[in-house]
Amino acid sequence: MSNKPIIGITMGDAAGVGPEVIVKSLQEAEIYQNAHPIVIGDSKILERAAKDLNIDTSITKISKEDDFKQTVLGEITCVDLDLIPEDLVVGQVSPVAGNAAFQYLRVAIELANESKIQAICTAPLNKEALQKGGHMYPGHTEILADLTNTEDFSMMLSSPKLKVIHVTTHIGLIDAIKMIQPERVWKVIKLADKTLKDSGIKQPKIGVCGINPHAGENGLFGYGEEEEKIIPAVQQAVEQGIDVEGPLPADTLFFRAQRGDFDIVVAMYHDQGHGPIKVLGLEAGVNITVGLPIIRTSVDHGTAFDIAGKGIVDEGSMLEALRQAIELAPKETSDR
């Protein structure tokens, strides 16, 4: 038996900064002390990233059938899918890279289902490239939910001072407001409560954002969205014994949460939740998909095409994502 989990790291879009943040993160001894990191991607792209970063490391190619526990510091182990041509242009949208990013994740899910890895940590993909590559998903979260047949899921962003879970994510604001319904809000409150209880918080305090300024201020702003879409869900959660308050004005709720008044904030739409987290620092934020049968964490930044290949990317978010994947992953694994 081994107490170190195997973490599958998907390479993301090969034209972005994913390969670089992976290579930089896997120079840290703490990762190897606590886990067996395995990259699912293309070895030649990792080699190129190491060269761009001026990092002296070896890339070891393995197959899905090989032993995943033979990992050592100074050597990056890669399940090499060999999907990317050597002349792929860095920093540009590529259908080939978009398809490859999907395939890396698909294989990682297969490996998790087979218990060959205990968690997935994803480098960023590019949504335009993903769709041009033939995969009509808005992002990682929706792919994971679809390929694991998960209906109730949500994106949670975690940083040292603030945790946020989303009712809606990668859709336009008008569509998001239509999608916000009491049943969905209730499910996300319940996911937030369960996730934090599973992490060791006995009675999480949950704050729920309104949709309109000042949470509608008793009908002064908007068309009664808070009364129609949010209040019934909050009341249902309270009746179930969940410590939840809302809807509350988002402009003050996030301040109160990072001060410590709440353990997590339920945001109604993408930018409402992402903005405060990113103000606190991109390097500290981690994206966690909750509700899945698989542990999945991710960086909280995009492919950053403008700096890809320049060797200047900050690996802080990837390191945090790996740390949280290790912390959340089952630790007891059987020898294979």
C-alpha atoms as a PDB file:
ATOM      1  CA  MET A   1       0.000   0.000   0.000  1.00  0.00           C
ATOM      2  CA  SER A   2       1.055   3.569  -0.662  1.00  0.00           C
ATOM      3  CA  ASN A   3      -0.214   6.668   1.109  1.00  0.00           C
ATOM      4  CA  LYS A   4       0.718   9.028  -1.722  1.00  0.00           C
ATOM      5  CA  PRO A   5      -2.083   9.701  -4.235  1.00  0.00           C
ATOM      6  CA  ILE A   6      -1.479   9.678  -7.969  1.00  0.00           C
ATOM      7  CA  ILE A   7      -2.464  13.040  -9.460  1.00  0.00           C
ATOM      8  CA  GLY A   8      -3.227  13.181 -13.178  1.00  0.00           C
ATOM      9  CA  ILE A   9      -2.294  16.581 -14.610  1.00  0.00           C
ATOM     10  CA  THR A  10      -3.903  17.408 -17.957  1.00  0.00           C
ATOM     11  CA  MET A  11      -1.726  19.603 -20.149  1.00  0.00           C
ATOM     12  CA  GLY A  12      -4.515  21.870 -21.409  1.00  0.00           C
ATOM     13  CA  ASP A  13      -4.029  23.893 -24.583  1.00  0.00           C
ATOM     14  CA  ALA A  14      -0.526  23.264 -25.923  1.00  0.00           C
ATOM     15  CA  ALA A  15      -0.396  26.744 -27.453  1.00  0.00           C
ATOM     16  CA  GLY A  16      -0.928  28.405 -24.064  1.00  0.00           C
ATOM     17  CA  VAL A  17       0.932  28.595 -20.773  1.00  0.00           C
ATOM     18  CA  GLY A  18      -0.285  25.217 -19.471  1.00  0.00           C
ATOM     19  CA  PRO A  19       2.868  23.285 -20.358  1.00  0.00           C
ATOM     20  CA  GLU A  20       5.026  25.972 -18.742  1.00  0.00           C
ATOM     21  CA  VAL A  21       3.129  26.120 -15.433  1.00  0.00           C
ATOM     22  CA  ILE A  22       3.233  22.330 -15.267  1.00  0.00           C
ATOM     23  CA  VAL A  23       6.990  22.146 -15.847  1.00  0.00           C
ATOM     24  CA  LYS A  24       7.663  24.914 -13.314  1.00  0.00           C
ATOM     25  CA  SER A  25       5.384  23.372 -10.682  1.00  0.00           C
ATOM     26  CA  LEU A  26       6.965  19.948 -11.052  1.00  0.00           C
ATOM     27  CA  GLN A  27      10.320  21.342  -9.975  1.00  0.00           C
ATOM     28  CA  GLU A  28       8.965  21.601  -6.412  1.00  0.00           C
ATOM     29  CA  ALA A  29      10.055  18.812  -4.067  1.00  0.00           C
ATOM     30  CA  GLU A  30       6.893  19.090  -1.957  1.00  0.00           C
ATOM     31  CA  ILE A  31       4.758  17.766  -4.824  1.00  0.00           C
ATOM     32  CA  TYR A  32       6.817  14.568  -5.088  1.00  0.00           C
ATOM     33  CA  GLN A  33       6.992  14.212  -1.315  1.00  0.00           C
ATOM     34  CA  ASN A  34       3.194  14.113  -1.120  1.00  0.00           C
ATOM     35  CA  ALA A  35       2.062  12.614  -4.445  1.00  0.00           C
ATOM     36  CA  HIS A  36       2.927  10.865  -7.670  1.00  0.00           C
ATOM     37  CA  PRO A  37       2.300  13.510 -10.393  1.00  0.00           C
ATOM     38  CA  ILE A  38       1.566  12.156 -13.870  1.00  0.00           C
ATOM     39  CA  VAL A  39       1.063  14.496 -16.845  1.00  0.00           C
ATOM     40  CA  ILE A  40      -1.441  13.494 -19.522  1.00  0.00           C
ATOM     41  CA  GLY A  41      -0.334  15.348 -22.630  1.00  0.00           C
ATOM     42  CA  ASP A  42       2.459  15.506 -25.219  1.00  0.00           C
ATOM     43  CA  SER A  43       6.048  14.945 -24.113  1.00  0.00           C
ATOM     44  CA  LYS A  44       7.571  17.020 -26.905  1.00  0.00           C
ATOM     45  CA  ILE A  45       5.525  20.054 -25.837  1.00  0.00           C
ATOM     46  CA  LEU A  46       6.714  19.655 -22.266  1.00  0.00           C
ATOM     47  CA  GLU A  47      10.282  19.457 -23.563  1.00  0.00           C
ATOM     48  CA  ARG A  48       9.750  22.676 -25.503  1.00  0.00           C
ATOM     49  CA  ALA A  49       8.314  24.361 -22.413  1.00  0.00           C
ATOM     50  CA  ALA A  50      11.325  23.287 -20.331  1.00  0.00           C
ATOM     51  CA  LYS A  51      13.610  24.765 -22.979  1.00  0.00           C
ATOM     52  CA  ASP A  52      11.647  28.039 -23.017  1.00  0.00           C
ATOM     53  CA  LEU A  53      11.972  28.177 -19.229  1.00  0.00           C
ATOM     54  CA  ASN A  54      15.649  27.223 -19.281  1.00  0.00           C
ATOM     55  CA  ILE A  55      14.884  24.356 -16.898  1.00  0.00           C
ATOM     56  CA  ASP A  56      17.042  21.241 -17.006  1.00  0.00           C
ATOM     57  CA  THR A  57      14.623  18.353 -16.537  1.00  0.00           C
ATOM     58  CA  SER A  58      13.972  15.063 -18.281  1.00  0.00           C
ATOM     59  CA  ILE A  59      10.608  14.018 -19.703  1.00  0.00           C
ATOM     60  CA  THR A  60       9.826  10.296 -19.413  1.00  0.00           C
ATOM     61  CA  LYS A  61       7.163   8.912 -21.758  1.00  0.00           C
ATOM     62  CA  ILE A  62       4.870   6.169 -20.485  1.00  0.00           C
ATOM     63  CA  SER A  63       1.638   4.544 -21.632  1.00  0.00           C
ATOM     64  CA  LYS A  64      -1.699   4.210 -19.834  1.00  0.00           C
ATOM     65  CA  GLU A  65      -0.781   0.641 -18.889  1.00  0.00           C
ATOM     66  CA  ASP A  66       2.534   1.466 -17.183  1.00  0.00           C
ATOM     67  CA  ASP A  67       3.257   1.834 -13.460  1.00  0.00           C
ATOM     68  CA  PHE A  68       2.243   5.351 -12.370  1.00  0.00           C
ATOM     69  CA  LYS A  69       4.187   5.247  -9.105  1.00  0.00           C
ATOM     70  CA  GLN A  70       7.697   5.502 -10.498  1.00  0.00           C
ATOM     71  CA  THR A  71       7.931   9.283 -10.256  1.00  0.00           C
ATOM     72  CA  VAL A  72      10.955  11.186  -8.973  1.00  0.00           C
ATOM     73  CA  LEU A  73      11.898  14.828  -8.607  1.00  0.00           C
ATOM     74  CA  GLY A  74      13.863  16.049 -11.617  1.00  0.00           C
ATOM     75  CA  GLU A  75      11.986  13.801 -14.022  1.00  0.00           C
ATOM     76  CA  ILE A  76       8.521  14.602 -15.404  1.00  0.00           C
ATOM     77  CA  THR A  77       6.461  11.515 -16.219  1.00  0.00           C
ATOM     78  CA  CYS A  78       4.039  11.916 -19.129  1.00  0.00           C
ATOM     79  CA  VAL A  79       1.324   9.673 -20.540  1.00  0.00           C
ATOM     80  CA  ASP A  80       2.210  10.729 -24.076  1.00  0.00           C
ATOM     81  CA  LEU A  81      -0.804  10.936 -26.401  1.00  0.00           C
ATOM     82  CA  ASP A  82       1.322  12.419 -29.220  1.00  0.00           C
ATOM     83  CA  LEU A  83      -1.414  14.659 -30.617  1.00  0.00           C
ATOM     84  CA  ILE A  84       0.474  17.903 -31.263  1.00  0.00           C
ATOM     85  CA  PRO A  85       2.742  18.599 -34.258  1.00  0.00           C
ATOM     86  CA  GLU A  86       6.209  19.885 -33.455  1.00  0.00           C
ATOM     87  CA  ASP A  87       5.582  23.084 -35.420  1.00  0.00           C
ATOM     88  CA  LEU A  88       2.487  24.146 -33.430  1.00  0.00           C
ATOM     89  CA  VAL A  89       2.538  27.949 -33.163  1.00  0.00           C
ATOM     90  CA  VAL A  90       2.524  29.172 -29.570  1.00  0.00           C
ATOM     91  CA  GLY A  91       0.070  31.888 -28.591  1.00  0.00           C
ATOM     92  CA  GLN A  92      -2.521  31.293 -31.311  1.00  0.00           C
ATOM     93  CA  VAL A  93      -5.886  29.563 -31.399  1.00  0.00           C
ATOM     94  CA  SER A  94      -5.458  26.086 -32.861  1.00  0.00           C
ATOM     95  CA  PRO A  95      -8.205  23.502 -33.525  1.00  0.00           C
ATOM     96  CA  VAL A  96      -5.544  20.793 -33.178  1.00  0.00           C
ATOM     97  CA  ALA A  97      -4.583  22.039 -29.717  1.00  0.00           C
ATOM     98  CA  GLY A  98      -8.256  22.407 -28.795  1.00  0.00           C
ATOM     99  CA  ASN A  99      -9.010  18.805 -29.704  1.00  0.00           C
ATOM    100  CA  ALA A 100      -5.889  17.617 -27.892  1.00  0.00           C
ATOM    101  CA  ALA A 101      -6.925  19.437 -24.705  1.00  0.00           C
ATOM    102  CA  PHE A 102     -10.232  17.559 -24.824  1.00  0.00           C
ATOM    103  CA  GLN A 103      -8.499  14.222 -25.378  1.00  0.00           C
ATOM    104  CA  TYR A 104      -6.124  14.762 -22.439  1.00  0.00           C
ATOM    105  CA  LEU A 105      -9.121  15.303 -20.171  1.00  0.00           C
ATOM    106  CA  ARG A 106     -11.030  12.350 -21.626  1.00  0.00           C
ATOM    107  CA  VAL A 107      -8.098  10.027 -20.920  1.00  0.00           C
ATOM    108  CA  ALA A 108      -7.675  11.446 -17.411  1.00  0.00           C
ATOM    109  CA  ILE A 109     -11.336  10.714 -16.662  1.00  0.00           C
ATOM    110  CA  GLU A 110     -10.859   7.149 -17.917  1.00  0.00           C
ATOM    111  CA  LEU A 111      -7.825   6.724 -15.672  1.00  0.00           C
ATOM    112  CA  ALA A 112      -9.746   8.100 -12.680  1.00  0.00           C
ATOM    113  CA  ASN A 113     -12.651   5.744 -13.365  1.00  0.00           C
ATOM    114  CA  GLU A 114     -10.155   2.863 -13.404  1.00  0.00           C
ATOM    115  CA  SER A 115      -8.668   4.112 -10.095  1.00  0.00           C
ATOM    116  CA  LYS A 116      -5.255   4.522 -11.730  1.00  0.00           C
ATOM    117  CA  ILE A 117      -5.247   8.151 -10.598  1.00  0.00           C
ATOM    118  CA  GLN A 118      -6.920   9.581  -7.507  1.00  0.00           C
ATOM    119  CA  ALA A 119      -7.476  13.165  -8.676  1.00  0.00           C
ATOM    120  CA  ILE A 120      -7.286  15.346 -11.779  1.00  0.00           C
ATOM    121  CA  CYS A 121      -5.564  18.730 -11.897  1.00  0.00           C
ATOM    122  CA  THR A 122      -6.158  20.646 -15.117  1.00  0.00           C
ATOM    123  CA  ALA A 123      -4.038  23.228 -16.900  1.00  0.00           C
ATOM    124  CA  PRO A 124      -6.078  25.809 -18.854  1.00  0.00           C
ATOM    125  CA  LEU A 125      -7.736  25.177 -22.189  1.00  0.00           C
ATOM    126  CA  ASN A 126      -8.938  27.746 -24.715  1.00  0.00           C
ATOM    127  CA  LYS A 127     -12.695  27.675 -25.288  1.00  0.00           C
ATOM    128  CA  GLU A 128     -12.489  28.925 -28.876  1.00  0.00           C
ATOM    129  CA  ALA A 129      -9.853  26.333 -29.758  1.00  0.00           C
ATOM    130  CA  LEU A 130     -11.851  23.617 -27.988  1.00  0.00           C
ATOM    131  CA  GLN A 131     -14.933  24.331 -30.072  1.00  0.00           C
ATOM    132  CA  LYS A 132     -12.975  24.750 -33.304  1.00  0.00           C
ATOM    133  CA  GLY A 133     -11.501  21.343 -32.500  1.00  0.00           C
ATOM    134  CA  GLY A 134     -15.002  19.872 -32.623  1.00  0.00           C
ATOM    135  CA  HIS A 135     -16.006  19.836 -28.960  1.00  0.00           C
ATOM    136  CA  MET A 136     -18.933  22.151 -28.259  1.00  0.00           C
ATOM    137  CA  TYR A 137     -18.458  22.722 -24.561  1.00  0.00           C
ATOM    138  CA  PRO A 138     -17.991  26.055 -22.767  1.00  0.00           C
ATOM    139  CA  GLY A 139     -15.174  24.701 -20.594  1.00  0.00           C
ATOM    140  CA  HIS A 140     -13.618  21.991 -18.429  1.00  0.00           C
ATOM    141  CA  THR A 141     -16.476  21.882 -15.929  1.00  0.00           C
ATOM    142  CA  GLU A 142     -19.094  20.977 -18.498  1.00  0.00           C
ATOM    143  CA  ILE A 143     -16.869  18.315 -20.123  1.00  0.00           C
ATOM    144  CA  LEU A 144     -16.259  16.680 -16.760  1.00  0.00           C
ATOM    145  CA  ALA A 145     -19.962  16.711 -15.923  1.00  0.00           C
ATOM    146  CA  ASP A 146     -20.922  15.257 -19.306  1.00  0.00           C
ATOM    147  CA  LEU A 147     -18.291  12.509 -19.380  1.00  0.00           C
ATOM    148  CA  THR A 148     -19.083  11.454 -15.801  1.00  0.00           C
ATOM    149  CA  ASN A 149     -22.877  11.675 -16.259  1.00  0.00           C
ATOM    150  CA  THR A 150     -23.125  14.211 -13.437  1.00  0.00           C
ATOM    151  CA  GLU A 151     -26.257  16.365 -13.263  1.00  0.00           C
ATOM    152  CA  ASP A 152     -25.747  18.374 -10.073  1.00  0.00           C
ATOM    153  CA  PHE A 153     -22.381  20.135 -10.135  1.00  0.00           C
ATOM    154  CA  SER A 154     -20.902  23.577  -9.756  1.00  0.00           C
ATOM    155  CA  MET A 155     -17.674  25.513 -10.086  1.00  0.00           C
ATOM    156  CA  MET A 156     -16.079  26.515  -6.808  1.00  0.00           C
ATOM    157  CA  LEU A 157     -13.209  28.985  -6.630  1.00  0.00           C
ATOM    158  CA  SER A 158     -11.021  28.775  -3.567  1.00  0.00           C
ATOM    159  CA  SER A 159      -8.392  31.153  -2.238  1.00  0.00           C
ATOM    160  CA  PRO A 160      -6.883  31.551   1.237  1.00  0.00           C
ATOM    161  CA  LYS A 161      -9.366  34.329   2.131  1.00  0.00           C
ATOM    162  CA  LEU A 162     -12.452  33.520   0.074  1.00  0.00           C
ATOM    163  CA  LYS A 163     -14.431  30.619  -1.360  1.00  0.00           C
ATOM    164  CA  VAL A 164     -17.095  31.128  -4.029  1.00  0.00           C
ATOM    165  CA  ILE A 165     -19.484  28.655  -5.645  1.00  0.00           C
ATOM    166  CA  HIS A 166     -21.486  29.505  -8.765  1.00  0.00           C
ATOM    167  CA  VAL A 167     -25.127  29.001  -9.726  1.00  0.00           C
ATOM    168  CA  THR A 168     -24.262  29.697 -13.390  1.00  0.00           C
ATOM    169  CA  THR A 169     -20.897  30.026 -15.122  1.00  0.00           C
ATOM    170  CA  HIS A 170     -20.027  30.157 -18.818  1.00  0.00           C
ATOM    171  CA  ILE A 171     -23.125  31.735 -20.304  1.00  0.00           C
ATOM    172  CA  GLY A 172     -24.129  35.298 -21.120  1.00  0.00           C
ATOM    173  CA  LEU A 173     -25.641  37.453 -18.396  1.00  0.00           C
ATOM    174  CA  ILE A 174     -29.154  37.545 -19.884  1.00  0.00           C
ATOM    175  CA  ASP A 175     -29.148  33.740 -20.246  1.00  0.00           C
ATOM    176  CA  ALA A 176     -27.724  33.357 -16.735  1.00  0.00           C
ATOM    177  CA  ILE A 177     -30.614  35.298 -15.212  1.00  0.00           C
ATOM    178  CA  LYS A 178     -33.068  33.050 -17.054  1.00  0.00           C
ATOM    179  CA  MET A 179     -31.245  29.942 -15.807  1.00  0.00           C
ATOM    180  CA  ILE A 180     -31.252  31.062 -12.167  1.00  0.00           C
ATOM    181  CA  GLN A 181     -34.219  29.213 -10.697  1.00  0.00           C
ATOM    182  CA  PRO A 182     -35.061  28.205  -7.097  1.00  0.00           C
ATOM    183  CA  GLU A 183     -34.260  24.521  -7.694  1.00  0.00           C
ATOM    184  CA  ARG A 184     -30.813  25.326  -9.115  1.00  0.00           C
ATOM    185  CA  VAL A 185     -30.032  27.797  -6.311  1.00  0.00           C
ATOM    186  CA  TRP A 186     -31.085  25.194  -3.730  1.00  0.00           C
ATOM    187  CA  LYS A 187     -28.868  22.543  -5.298  1.00  0.00           C
ATOM    188  CA  VAL A 188     -25.833  24.852  -5.263  1.00  0.00           C
ATOM    189  CA  ILE A 189     -26.425  25.834  -1.621  1.00  0.00           C
ATOM    190  CA  LYS A 190     -26.629  22.125  -0.787  1.00  0.00           C
ATOM    191  CA  LEU A 191     -23.411  21.390  -2.730  1.00  0.00           C
ATOM    192  CA  ALA A 192     -21.633  24.213  -0.890  1.00  0.00           C
ATOM    193  CA  ASP A 193     -22.777  22.891   2.478  1.00  0.00           C
ATOM    194  CA  LYS A 194     -21.755  19.288   1.719  1.00  0.00           C
ATOM    195  CA  THR A 195     -18.389  20.259   0.224  1.00  0.00           C
ATOM    196  CA  LEU A 196     -17.352  22.290   3.259  1.00  0.00           C
ATOM    197  CA  LYS A 197     -18.663  19.699   5.701  1.00  0.00           C
ATOM    198  CA  ASP A 198     -16.629  17.054   3.860  1.00  0.00           C
ATOM    199  CA  SER A 199     -13.580  19.293   4.273  1.00  0.00           C
ATOM    200  CA  GLY A 200     -14.035  19.372   8.044  1.00  0.00           C
ATOM    201  CA  ILE A 201     -16.201  22.448   8.719  1.00  0.00           C
ATOM    202  CA  LYS A 202     -19.013  21.166  10.943  1.00  0.00           C
ATOM    203  CA  GLN A 203     -21.564  23.918  10.242  1.00  0.00           C
ATOM    204  CA  PRO A 204     -20.524  26.110   7.297  1.00  0.00           C
ATOM    205  CA  LYS A 205     -21.832  29.658   7.148  1.00  0.00           C
ATOM    206  CA  ILE A 206     -23.103  30.375   3.629  1.00  0.00           C
ATOM    207  CA  GLY A 207     -23.863  33.793   2.156  1.00  0.00           C
ATOM    208  CA  VAL A 208     -26.008  34.026  -0.973  1.00  0.00           C
ATOM    209  CA  CYS A 209     -25.671  36.894  -3.437  1.00  0.00           C
ATOM    210  CA  GLY A 210     -28.591  38.734  -4.933  1.00  0.00           C
ATOM    211  CA  ILE A 211     -28.857  39.367  -8.655  1.00  0.00           C
ATOM    212  CA  ASN A 212     -29.647  43.069  -8.707  1.00  0.00           C
ATOM    213  CA  PRO A 213     -27.861  45.972  -6.986  1.00  0.00           C
ATOM    214  CA  HIS A 214     -28.578  45.934  -3.250  1.00  0.00           C
ATOM    215  CA  ALA A 215     -30.165  42.490  -3.758  1.00  0.00           C
ATOM    216  CA  GLY A 216     -33.156  44.223  -5.312  1.00  0.00           C
ATOM    217  CA  GLU A 217     -33.828  46.378  -2.212  1.00  0.00           C
ATOM    218  CA  ASN A 218     -37.347  45.020  -1.716  1.00  0.00           C
ATOM    219  CA  GLY A 219     -38.306  45.403  -5.364  1.00  0.00           C
ATOM    220  CA  LEU A 220     -36.759  48.831  -5.953  1.00  0.00           C
ATOM    221  CA  PHE A 221     -34.268  47.396  -8.461  1.00  0.00           C
ATOM    222  CA  GLY A 222     -35.066  44.743 -11.045  1.00  0.00           C
ATOM    223  CA  TYR A 223     -38.324  42.866 -11.515  1.00  0.00           C
ATOM    224  CA  GLY A 224     -38.576  40.791  -8.377  1.00  0.00           C
ATOM    225  CA  GLU A 225     -35.848  38.310  -9.326  1.00  0.00           C
ATOM    226  CA  GLU A 226     -34.650  37.864  -5.741  1.00  0.00           C
ATOM    227  CA  GLU A 227     -38.163  37.106  -4.450  1.00  0.00           C
ATOM    228  CA  GLU A 228     -38.908  34.734  -7.327  1.00  0.00           C
ATOM    229  CA  LYS A 229     -35.590  32.949  -7.868  1.00  0.00           C
ATOM    230  CA  ILE A 230     -33.507  33.075  -4.676  1.00  0.00           C
ATOM    231  CA  ILE A 231     -35.596  33.511  -1.530  1.00  0.00           C
ATOM    232  CA  PRO A 232     -37.528  30.210  -1.933  1.00  0.00           C
ATOM    233  CA  ALA A 233     -34.218  28.303  -2.179  1.00  0.00           C
ATOM    234  CA  VAL A 234     -32.751  30.031   0.871  1.00  0.00           C
ATOM    235  CA  GLN A 235     -35.899  29.291   2.852  1.00  0.00           C
ATOM    236  CA  GLN A 236     -35.739  25.625   1.812  1.00  0.00           C
ATOM    237  CA  ALA A 237     -32.098  25.433   2.898  1.00  0.00           C
ATOM    238  CA  VAL A 238     -32.866  26.999   6.283  1.00  0.00           C
ATOM    239  CA  GLU A 239     -35.673  24.475   6.799  1.00  0.00           C
ATOM    240  CA  GLN A 240     -33.106  21.702   6.099  1.00  0.00           C
ATOM    241  CA  GLY A 241     -30.834  23.015   8.848  1.00  0.00           C
ATOM    242  CA  ILE A 242     -28.266  24.736   6.628  1.00  0.00           C
ATOM    243  CA  ASP A 243     -26.718  27.928   8.045  1.00  0.00           C
ATOM    244  CA  VAL A 244     -27.417  30.235   5.114  1.00  0.00           C
ATOM    245  CA  GLU A 245     -28.251  33.918   4.728  1.00  0.00           C
ATOM    246  CA  GLY A 246     -29.460  35.834   1.687  1.00  0.00           C
ATOM    247  CA  PRO A 247     -30.018  37.167  -0.795  1.00  0.00           C
ATOM    248  CA  LEU A 248     -27.458  39.774   0.216  1.00  0.00           C
ATOM    249  CA  PRO A 249     -25.929  42.673  -1.760  1.00  0.00           C
ATOM    250  CA  ALA A 250     -22.879  41.300  -3.548  1.00  0.00           C
ATOM    251  CA  ASP A 251     -20.892  44.509  -3.119  1.00  0.00           C
ATOM    252  CA  THR A 252     -20.729  44.018   0.662  1.00  0.00           C
ATOM    253  CA  LEU A 253     -21.120  40.233   0.924  1.00  0.00           C
ATOM    254  CA  PHE A 254     -17.684  39.504  -0.542  1.00  0.00           C
ATOM    255  CA  PHE A 255     -16.057  41.921   1.891  1.00  0.00           C
ATOM    256  CA  ARG A 256     -17.848  40.266   4.793  1.00  0.00           C
ATOM    257  CA  ALA A 257     -16.858  36.795   3.566  1.00  0.00           C
ATOM    258  CA  GLN A 258     -13.152  37.537   3.249  1.00  0.00           C
ATOM    259  CA  ARG A 259     -13.360  39.131   6.709  1.00  0.00           C
ATOM    260  CA  GLY A 260     -14.572  35.800   8.032  1.00  0.00           C
ATOM    261  CA  ASP A 261     -18.334  36.281   8.439  1.00  0.00           C
ATOM    262  CA  PHE A 262     -19.050  33.505   5.908  1.00  0.00           C
ATOM    263  CA  ASP A 263     -17.206  30.333   4.892  1.00  0.00           C
ATOM    264  CA  ILE A 264     -18.422  30.480   1.289  1.00  0.00           C
ATOM    265  CA  VAL A 265     -20.377  32.765  -1.029  1.00  0.00           C
ATOM    266  CA  VAL A 266     -22.977  31.538  -3.524  1.00  0.00           C
ATOM    267  CA  ALA A 267     -22.564  33.728  -6.631  1.00  0.00           C
ATOM    268  CA  MET A 268     -25.313  33.946  -9.220  1.00  0.00           C
ATOM    269  CA  TYR A 269     -23.195  34.351 -12.347  1.00  0.00           C
ATOM    270  CA  HIS A 270     -19.628  34.095 -13.628  1.00  0.00           C
ATOM    271  CA  ASP A 271     -18.189  37.578 -13.150  1.00  0.00           C
ATOM    272  CA  GLN A 272     -20.008  38.164  -9.873  1.00  0.00           C
ATOM    273  CA  GLY A 273     -17.958  35.342  -8.352  1.00  0.00           C
ATOM    274  CA  HIS A 274     -14.769  35.435 -10.388  1.00  0.00           C
ATOM    275  CA  GLY A 275     -14.082  39.155  -9.995  1.00  0.00           C
ATOM    276  CA  PRO A 276     -13.544  39.211  -6.208  1.00  0.00           C
ATOM    277  CA  ILE A 277     -11.416  36.051  -6.269  1.00  0.00           C
ATOM    278  CA  LYS A 278      -9.143  37.436  -8.976  1.00  0.00           C
ATOM    279  CA  VAL A 279      -8.779  40.779  -7.224  1.00  0.00           C
ATOM    280  CA  LEU A 280      -7.345  38.828  -4.283  1.00  0.00           C
ATOM    281  CA  GLY A 281      -4.686  37.386  -6.614  1.00  0.00           C
ATOM    282  CA  LEU A 282      -4.637  35.071  -9.612  1.00  0.00           C
ATOM    283  CA  GLU A 283      -1.717  33.162  -8.165  1.00  0.00           C
ATOM    284  CA  ALA A 284      -3.732  32.145  -5.099  1.00  0.00           C
ATOM    285  CA  GLY A 285      -6.983  31.060  -6.735  1.00  0.00           C
ATOM    286  CA  VAL A 286      -7.912  27.449  -7.460  1.00  0.00           C
ATOM    287  CA  ASN A 287     -10.893  26.155  -9.455  1.00  0.00           C
ATOM    288  CA  ILE A 288     -12.588  23.060  -7.990  1.00  0.00           C
ATOM    289  CA  THR A 289     -15.526  21.268  -9.616  1.00  0.00           C
ATOM    290  CA  VAL A 290     -17.853  20.046  -6.865  1.00  0.00           C
ATOM    291  CA  GLY A 291     -20.476  17.355  -7.231  1.00  0.00           C
ATOM    292  CA  LEU A 292     -18.365  15.089  -9.464  1.00  0.00           C
ATOM    293  CA  PRO A 293     -17.468  11.486  -8.624  1.00  0.00           C
ATOM    294  CA  ILE A 294     -13.856  12.537  -9.369  1.00  0.00           C
ATOM    295  CA  ILE A 295     -11.678  15.031  -7.488  1.00  0.00           C
ATOM    296  CA  ARG A 296     -10.821  17.836  -9.915  1.00  0.00           C
ATOM    297  CA  THR A 297      -8.906  21.044  -9.286  1.00  0.00           C
ATOM    298  CA  SER A 298      -7.585  23.591 -11.749  1.00  0.00           C
ATOM    299  CA  VAL A 299      -5.670  26.801 -12.145  1.00  0.00           C
ATOM    300  CA  ASP A 300      -7.849  29.898 -11.946  1.00  0.00           C
ATOM    301  CA  HIS A 301      -6.438  31.559 -15.065  1.00  0.00           C
ATOM    302  CA  GLY A 302      -6.648  31.125 -18.800  1.00  0.00           C
ATOM    303  CA  THR A 303      -4.210  30.140 -21.521  1.00  0.00           C
ATOM    304  CA  ALA A 304      -2.541  33.588 -21.537  1.00  0.00           C
ATOM    305  CA  PHE A 305      -1.575  33.405 -25.217  1.00  0.00           C
ATOM    306  CA  ASP A 306       0.087  36.825 -24.945  1.00  0.00           C
ATOM    307  CA  ILE A 307       2.886  35.468 -22.724  1.00  0.00           C
ATOM    308  CA  ALA A 308       2.963  31.816 -23.800  1.00  0.00           C
ATOM    309  CA  GLY A 309       6.438  30.589 -24.721  1.00  0.00           C
ATOM    310  CA  LYS A 310       8.180  33.567 -23.120  1.00  0.00           C
ATOM    311  CA  GLY A 311       9.144  31.774 -19.923  1.00  0.00           C
ATOM    312  CA  ILE A 312       7.640  34.438 -17.648  1.00  0.00           C
ATOM    313  CA  VAL A 313       4.400  32.815 -16.471  1.00  0.00           C
ATOM    314  CA  ASP A 314       3.717  32.534 -12.724  1.00  0.00           C
ATOM    315  CA  GLU A 315       3.084  28.947 -11.601  1.00  0.00           C
ATOM    316  CA  GLY A 316       1.497  29.892  -8.255  1.00  0.00           C
ATOM    317  CA  SER A 317      -2.072  28.930  -9.170  1.00  0.00           C
ATOM    318  CA  MET A 318      -0.980  25.541 -10.544  1.00  0.00           C
ATOM    319  CA  LEU A 319       0.973  24.813  -7.377  1.00  0.00           C
ATOM    320  CA  GLU A 320      -2.079  25.670  -5.272  1.00  0.00           C
ATOM    321  CA  ALA A 321      -4.272  23.504  -7.504  1.00  0.00           C
ATOM    322  CA  LEU A 322      -1.871  20.585  -7.072  1.00  0.00           C
ATOM    323  CA  ARG A 323      -1.772  21.076  -3.302  1.00  0.00           C
ATOM    324  CA  GLN A 324      -5.558  21.029  -3.086  1.00  0.00           C
ATOM    325  CA  ALA A 325      -5.798  17.994  -5.373  1.00  0.00           C
ATOM    326  CA  ILE A 326      -3.356  16.170  -3.091  1.00  0.00           C
ATOM    327  CA  GLU A 327      -5.281  17.249   0.016  1.00  0.00           C
ATOM    328  CA  LEU A 328      -8.677  16.187  -1.373  1.00  0.00           C
ATOM    329  CA  ALA A 329      -7.566  12.931  -3.028  1.00  0.00           C
ATOM    330  CA  PRO A 330      -8.031   9.520  -1.381  1.00  0.00           C
ATOM    331  CA  LYS A 331      -4.671   8.592   0.111  1.00  0.00           C
ATOM    332  CA  GLU A 332      -4.835   4.806   0.312  1.00  0.00           C
ATOM    333  CA  THR A 333      -4.193   3.138  -3.051  1.00  0.00           C
ATOM    334  CA  SER A 334      -3.571  -0.469  -3.939  1.00  0.00           C
ATOM    335  CA  ASP A 335      -0.302  -1.566  -5.519  1.00  0.00           C
ATOM    336  CA  ARG A 336      -0.745  -2.460  -9.170  1.00  0.00           C
END
